[in-house]
Amino acid sequence: MRLFIKQQVFSLNDKFSVKDENEADRFYVEGQFMALGKKLRVYTPNHQEVLYIEQQLWKLLPEYDLFSGEDKVATIKKEFDFFKNNYTIHGPDWNIEGSITAHDYVIKSQGKIIADINKKFLSWGDTYEIIIHDESQLHLLLGIVIVIDCVISASRTSNN
């Protein structure tokens, strides 16, 4: 499965869609306006919530929890490193390899690639492509990519 997210989609109210290769909306992401920390909800086109993402406050480095219903399914933490943009995924036994800031990385489970994320230049602007190899983990993989983009966008904003 291929999905596409427009680069730096996060706006004041964090509302955007995730498209498929035919430019059809597959998911909608909505944030809470004026909330302390990021709070994002991922919905299907028929408005069924499939994932809730909440930023943990009072952390030195960004940390987000991902929920499916009432169950916390993962925590994504940005790690301190002068030379790399490292993230740790707690929950599933996954790791991230590649250049995160260039949107050119993979997510692996036990050495097997389960998602590829690559920057693309498509008709609807600078976009990154998410190739999901394990669709049983679609929502969680999408949530991880959204969190990483959120952290990158926030760091670009704070550096300007």
C-alpha atoms as a PDB file:
ATOM      1  CA  MET A   1       0.000   0.000   0.000  1.00  0.00           C
ATOM      2  CA  ARG A   2       1.247   3.482  -0.888  1.00  0.00           C
ATOM      3  CA  LEU A   3       0.193   6.588   1.014  1.00  0.00           C
ATOM      4  CA  PHE A   4       1.301  10.194   0.614  1.00  0.00           C
ATOM      5  CA  ILE A   5       1.566  13.071   3.078  1.00  0.00           C
ATOM      6  CA  LYS A   6       2.360  16.596   1.971  1.00  0.00           C
ATOM      7  CA  GLN A   7       5.572  17.786   3.611  1.00  0.00           C
ATOM      8  CA  GLN A   8       5.150  20.279   6.469  1.00  0.00           C
ATOM      9  CA  VAL A   9       1.420  19.755   6.545  1.00  0.00           C
ATOM     10  CA  PHE A  10       1.108  20.903  10.120  1.00  0.00           C
ATOM     11  CA  SER A  11      -0.660  24.225  10.379  1.00  0.00           C
ATOM     12  CA  LEU A  12      -2.134  26.165  13.268  1.00  0.00           C
ATOM     13  CA  ASN A  13      -5.009  23.723  13.636  1.00  0.00           C
ATOM     14  CA  ASP A  14      -3.225  20.570  12.360  1.00  0.00           C
ATOM     15  CA  LYS A  15      -5.820  19.402   9.885  1.00  0.00           C
ATOM     16  CA  PHE A  16      -4.793  17.490   6.753  1.00  0.00           C
ATOM     17  CA  SER A  17      -5.474  14.376   4.722  1.00  0.00           C
ATOM     18  CA  VAL A  18      -3.366  11.359   3.818  1.00  0.00           C
ATOM     19  CA  LYS A  19      -3.814  10.425   0.172  1.00  0.00           C
ATOM     20  CA  ASP A  20      -3.363   7.263  -1.863  1.00  0.00           C
ATOM     21  CA  GLU A  21      -1.578   7.050  -5.225  1.00  0.00           C
ATOM     22  CA  ASN A  22      -4.763   8.181  -7.029  1.00  0.00           C
ATOM     23  CA  GLU A  23      -4.826  11.362  -4.893  1.00  0.00           C
ATOM     24  CA  ALA A  24      -7.932  10.104  -3.049  1.00  0.00           C
ATOM     25  CA  ASP A  25      -8.194  10.854   0.672  1.00  0.00           C
ATOM     26  CA  ARG A  26      -7.542   7.678   2.721  1.00  0.00           C
ATOM     27  CA  PHE A  27      -7.220   9.215   6.198  1.00  0.00           C
ATOM     28  CA  TYR A  28      -7.854  12.556   7.853  1.00  0.00           C
ATOM     29  CA  VAL A  29      -5.749  13.918  10.700  1.00  0.00           C
ATOM     30  CA  GLU A  30      -7.181  16.562  13.009  1.00  0.00           C
ATOM     31  CA  GLY A  31      -5.459  18.291  15.897  1.00  0.00           C
ATOM     32  CA  GLN A  32      -6.927  20.054  18.883  1.00  0.00           C
ATOM     33  CA  PHE A  33      -6.605  23.812  18.634  1.00  0.00           C
ATOM     34  CA  MET A  34      -5.137  25.573  21.669  1.00  0.00           C
ATOM     35  CA  ALA A  35      -4.204  22.326  23.448  1.00  0.00           C
ATOM     36  CA  LEU A  36      -1.104  21.959  25.607  1.00  0.00           C
ATOM     37  CA  GLY A  37       1.100  19.747  23.459  1.00  0.00           C
ATOM     38  CA  LYS A  38       0.024  18.077  20.235  1.00  0.00           C
ATOM     39  CA  LYS A  39      -3.132  16.000  20.329  1.00  0.00           C
ATOM     40  CA  LEU A  40      -3.963  14.431  16.969  1.00  0.00           C
ATOM     41  CA  ARG A  41      -6.713  12.069  15.886  1.00  0.00           C
ATOM     42  CA  VAL A  42      -6.494   9.926  12.752  1.00  0.00           C
ATOM     43  CA  TYR A  43      -9.814   9.117  11.069  1.00  0.00           C
ATOM     44  CA  THR A  44     -10.996   7.070   8.108  1.00  0.00           C
ATOM     45  CA  PRO A  45     -13.009   8.927   5.418  1.00  0.00           C
ATOM     46  CA  ASN A  46     -16.237   7.830   7.180  1.00  0.00           C
ATOM     47  CA  HIS A  47     -14.931   9.561  10.357  1.00  0.00           C
ATOM     48  CA  GLN A  48     -14.063   6.405  12.323  1.00  0.00           C
ATOM     49  CA  GLU A  49     -11.151   7.138  14.660  1.00  0.00           C
ATOM     50  CA  VAL A  50      -8.295   4.659  14.160  1.00  0.00           C
ATOM     51  CA  LEU A  51      -5.515   6.303  16.197  1.00  0.00           C
ATOM     52  CA  TYR A  52      -5.041   9.002  18.828  1.00  0.00           C
ATOM     53  CA  ILE A  53      -1.634  10.672  19.231  1.00  0.00           C
ATOM     54  CA  GLU A  54      -0.734  12.690  22.330  1.00  0.00           C
ATOM     55  CA  GLN A  55       2.475  14.571  23.037  1.00  0.00           C
ATOM     56  CA  GLN A  56       3.860  14.089  26.528  1.00  0.00           C
ATOM     57  CA  LEU A  57       4.560  17.397  28.235  1.00  0.00           C
ATOM     58  CA  TRP A  58       7.494  18.345  30.397  1.00  0.00           C
ATOM     59  CA  LYS A  59       9.967  16.121  28.544  1.00  0.00           C
ATOM     60  CA  LEU A  60      13.435  17.345  27.564  1.00  0.00           C
ATOM     61  CA  LEU A  61      13.041  15.819  24.105  1.00  0.00           C
ATOM     62  CA  PRO A  62       9.794  15.156  22.188  1.00  0.00           C
ATOM     63  CA  GLU A  63       7.826  12.081  23.249  1.00  0.00           C
ATOM     64  CA  TYR A  64       4.450  10.934  21.941  1.00  0.00           C
ATOM     65  CA  ASP A  65       2.046   8.170  22.959  1.00  0.00           C
ATOM     66  CA  LEU A  66      -0.108   6.429  20.348  1.00  0.00           C
ATOM     67  CA  PHE A  67      -3.465   4.938  21.300  1.00  0.00           C
ATOM     68  CA  SER A  68      -5.820   2.564  19.529  1.00  0.00           C
ATOM     69  CA  GLY A  69      -9.096   3.017  21.350  1.00  0.00           C
ATOM     70  CA  GLU A  70      -8.220   3.057  25.047  1.00  0.00           C
ATOM     71  CA  ASP A  71      -5.035   0.986  24.601  1.00  0.00           C
ATOM     72  CA  LYS A  72      -1.613   2.592  24.395  1.00  0.00           C
ATOM     73  CA  VAL A  73       0.067   0.790  21.481  1.00  0.00           C
ATOM     74  CA  ALA A  74       3.381   2.653  21.245  1.00  0.00           C
ATOM     75  CA  THR A  75       5.528   5.491  22.521  1.00  0.00           C
ATOM     76  CA  ILE A  76       7.853   7.369  20.179  1.00  0.00           C
ATOM     77  CA  LYS A  77      10.805   9.201  21.739  1.00  0.00           C
ATOM     78  CA  LYS A  78      13.334  11.452  20.053  1.00  0.00           C
ATOM     79  CA  GLU A  79      16.778  10.566  21.355  1.00  0.00           C
ATOM     80  CA  PHE A  80      19.596  13.020  22.039  1.00  0.00           C
ATOM     81  CA  ASP A  81      22.305  12.821  19.370  1.00  0.00           C
ATOM     82  CA  PHE A  82      24.392  15.639  17.912  1.00  0.00           C
ATOM     83  CA  PHE A  83      24.804  14.010  14.517  1.00  0.00           C
ATOM     84  CA  LYS A  84      21.636  12.016  13.869  1.00  0.00           C
ATOM     85  CA  ASN A  85      17.906  12.317  14.217  1.00  0.00           C
ATOM     86  CA  ASN A  86      17.297   9.149  16.255  1.00  0.00           C
ATOM     87  CA  TYR A  87      13.957   7.902  17.495  1.00  0.00           C
ATOM     88  CA  THR A  88      13.062   5.001  19.754  1.00  0.00           C
ATOM     89  CA  ILE A  89       9.813   3.098  19.365  1.00  0.00           C
ATOM     90  CA  HIS A  90       8.514   1.511  22.585  1.00  0.00           C
ATOM     91  CA  GLY A  91       5.742  -1.029  22.144  1.00  0.00           C
ATOM     92  CA  PRO A  92       6.357  -3.052  19.013  1.00  0.00           C
ATOM     93  CA  ASP A  93       9.912  -4.315  18.507  1.00  0.00           C
ATOM     94  CA  TRP A  94      10.638  -1.917  15.643  1.00  0.00           C
ATOM     95  CA  ASN A  95      13.570   0.298  14.764  1.00  0.00           C
ATOM     96  CA  ILE A  96      14.120   3.165  12.344  1.00  0.00           C
ATOM     97  CA  GLU A  97      17.064   3.375   9.933  1.00  0.00           C
ATOM     98  CA  GLY A  98      18.027   6.043   7.421  1.00  0.00           C
ATOM     99  CA  SER A  99      17.860   9.810   7.099  1.00  0.00           C
ATOM    100  CA  ILE A 100      14.771  10.996   8.926  1.00  0.00           C
ATOM    101  CA  THR A 101      15.217  14.704   8.169  1.00  0.00           C
ATOM    102  CA  ALA A 102      15.442  13.910   4.438  1.00  0.00           C
ATOM    103  CA  HIS A 103      12.317  11.717   4.704  1.00  0.00           C
ATOM    104  CA  ASP A 104      14.315   8.751   3.454  1.00  0.00           C
ATOM    105  CA  TYR A 105      14.133   6.015   6.066  1.00  0.00           C
ATOM    106  CA  VAL A 106      12.714   2.576   6.788  1.00  0.00           C
ATOM    107  CA  ILE A 107      10.946   1.030   9.753  1.00  0.00           C
ATOM    108  CA  LYS A 108      12.044  -2.531  10.466  1.00  0.00           C
ATOM    109  CA  SER A 109      10.757  -5.396  12.570  1.00  0.00           C
ATOM    110  CA  GLN A 110      13.340  -8.084  13.369  1.00  0.00           C
ATOM    111  CA  GLY A 111      15.458  -6.968  10.400  1.00  0.00           C
ATOM    112  CA  LYS A 112      12.523  -7.049   7.955  1.00  0.00           C
ATOM    113  CA  ILE A 113      11.361  -3.778   6.354  1.00  0.00           C
ATOM    114  CA  ILE A 114       7.716  -3.112   7.179  1.00  0.00           C
ATOM    115  CA  ALA A 115       7.552   0.475   5.868  1.00  0.00           C
ATOM    116  CA  ASP A 116       9.612   2.690   3.515  1.00  0.00           C
ATOM    117  CA  ILE A 117       9.337   6.467   3.784  1.00  0.00           C
ATOM    118  CA  ASN A 118      10.760   8.547   0.914  1.00  0.00           C
ATOM    119  CA  LYS A 119      10.481  12.148  -0.208  1.00  0.00           C
ATOM    120  CA  LYS A 120       8.771  12.490  -3.604  1.00  0.00           C
ATOM    121  CA  PHE A 121       8.003  15.373  -5.911  1.00  0.00           C
ATOM    122  CA  LEU A 122       4.449  14.842  -7.090  1.00  0.00           C
ATOM    123  CA  SER A 123       1.719  16.892  -8.683  1.00  0.00           C
ATOM    124  CA  TRP A 124       0.387  18.088  -5.335  1.00  0.00           C
ATOM    125  CA  GLY A 125       3.728  19.435  -4.050  1.00  0.00           C
ATOM    126  CA  ASP A 126       6.678  18.200  -2.009  1.00  0.00           C
ATOM    127  CA  THR A 127       5.306  15.029  -0.536  1.00  0.00           C
ATOM    128  CA  TYR A 128       6.625  11.980   1.164  1.00  0.00           C
ATOM    129  CA  GLU A 129       5.582   8.513   0.198  1.00  0.00           C
ATOM    130  CA  ILE A 130       4.896   5.812   2.747  1.00  0.00           C
ATOM    131  CA  ILE A 131       5.075   2.276   1.392  1.00  0.00           C
ATOM    132  CA  ILE A 132       3.436  -0.051   3.901  1.00  0.00           C
ATOM    133  CA  HIS A 133       4.623  -3.658   3.572  1.00  0.00           C
ATOM    134  CA  ASP A 134       2.639  -4.965   6.562  1.00  0.00           C
ATOM    135  CA  GLU A 135      -0.911  -3.640   6.258  1.00  0.00           C
ATOM    136  CA  SER A 136      -1.903  -5.302   9.535  1.00  0.00           C
ATOM    137  CA  GLN A 137       0.109  -2.501  11.197  1.00  0.00           C
ATOM    138  CA  LEU A 138      -1.111   0.265   8.866  1.00  0.00           C
ATOM    139  CA  HIS A 139      -2.530   2.652  11.484  1.00  0.00           C
ATOM    140  CA  LEU A 140       0.427   2.361  13.849  1.00  0.00           C
ATOM    141  CA  LEU A 141       2.965   2.829  11.048  1.00  0.00           C
ATOM    142  CA  LEU A 142       1.062   5.871   9.799  1.00  0.00           C
ATOM    143  CA  GLY A 143       1.017   7.278  13.340  1.00  0.00           C
ATOM    144  CA  ILE A 144       4.778   6.877  13.706  1.00  0.00           C
ATOM    145  CA  VAL A 145       5.404   8.724  10.441  1.00  0.00           C
ATOM    146  CA  ILE A 146       3.014  11.512  11.502  1.00  0.00           C
ATOM    147  CA  VAL A 147       4.831  11.875  14.848  1.00  0.00           C
ATOM    148  CA  ILE A 148       8.242  12.077  13.173  1.00  0.00           C
ATOM    149  CA  ASP A 149       6.964  14.710  10.719  1.00  0.00           C
ATOM    150  CA  CYS A 150       5.449  16.648  13.611  1.00  0.00           C
ATOM    151  CA  VAL A 151       8.782  16.694  15.496  1.00  0.00           C
ATOM    152  CA  ILE A 152      10.722  17.707  12.358  1.00  0.00           C
ATOM    153  CA  SER A 153       8.220  20.485  11.545  1.00  0.00           C
ATOM    154  CA  ALA A 154       8.327  21.794  15.128  1.00  0.00           C
ATOM    155  CA  SER A 155      12.139  21.863  15.136  1.00  0.00           C
ATOM    156  CA  ARG A 156      12.201  23.746  11.803  1.00  0.00           C
ATOM    157  CA  THR A 157       9.719  26.278  13.163  1.00  0.00           C
ATOM    158  CA  SER A 158      11.700  26.815  16.367  1.00  0.00           C
ATOM    159  CA  ASN A 159      14.963  27.250  14.404  1.00  0.00           C
ATOM    160  CA  ASN A 160      13.500  30.031  12.219  1.00  0.00           C
END
